[in-house]
C-alpha cells in the first residue's frame, strides 16, 4: 500500500477514535454525584415531557458546599399539565412548556453544578442526591440519569415507584454518545419515587477542533486516493 495513503488512513482512524472515545474522558461527573467537567463543556438541553401535578421549572445551580446560586433557567411550565390529571398530568412542549424547548449552557471547568427542579406546592429537589436533605439529614435520590433505554423503562403514566432508579445514577458516557435522559421525582404524592415528573435530555456539543481534525483526515484520504488513481491511469 502507498505509504502516504497508509499515513492518511492512520490519521483518519485516530481522529475517528478521538471523536468517539476521547470526549467522555472530559466529564468528571454528570449524574447524581454532581456535575463538573475538567474542561469548559457546552451542553444542549431539550424538554421532553412532564407528569407532575405541580407547575415546575428547571434551572442550573452553582454549588459551593451547601450554598447554591442559580446561574441559568432552562425550562418553565406555564401550567401544571396539558389537561388536568389526564395521562398522569402529562405536559408537553407547545402546551405546558412554551418556546423551542431547547436551551444551551456552558459548564465551566473545575466548577461544581447541579440541576434544580422547583415545583410550586412540592418544594425543590436537586439532581445531586447529597443536596436533597430530609429529616434525617441524609441525601435522597430525586433524579435519574441514563441513555435512551431509561425513557422506555420509566412508567410515565403511573405513579408506581421506579424500582430501578438506583441503576440510573451516571449519565457521563451517554452525554457524549447519543444524549442523556434526566428525569426527576418531585416531592409530591408523598414522594412516590416515580421519577417521571419532569424529563429532559442533554447532549454535549462536540469540540470544533475534533470535528475539524476529522474533516481534514477524510479530506486527505480523498486527495490521496485521487493521486493514486492518477498515477495508475498514467
Foldseek 3Di string as FASTA:
>chain_A
DPPLLVVLVVLLVVLVCCLQPVVLVQWPADFQQFGAGQAWWKKKKFWAKFQAQFWKWKFKWFDDPLDTDTDGTQWTFPHQAQDHCPLNRIHDEPRRTDDDRMDMDIHHHPTTMWMKMQTVPQGIDIRHQQNCQDPVGGGDHFKFKDAPVVVVQQPQRDLAASVCRVVGTGHSNVQSPVWMKMFGQTCPPVSSNSRRRTIMIMHIDGDPVSVVSSVVSVVSSVVVVVVVVVVVVD
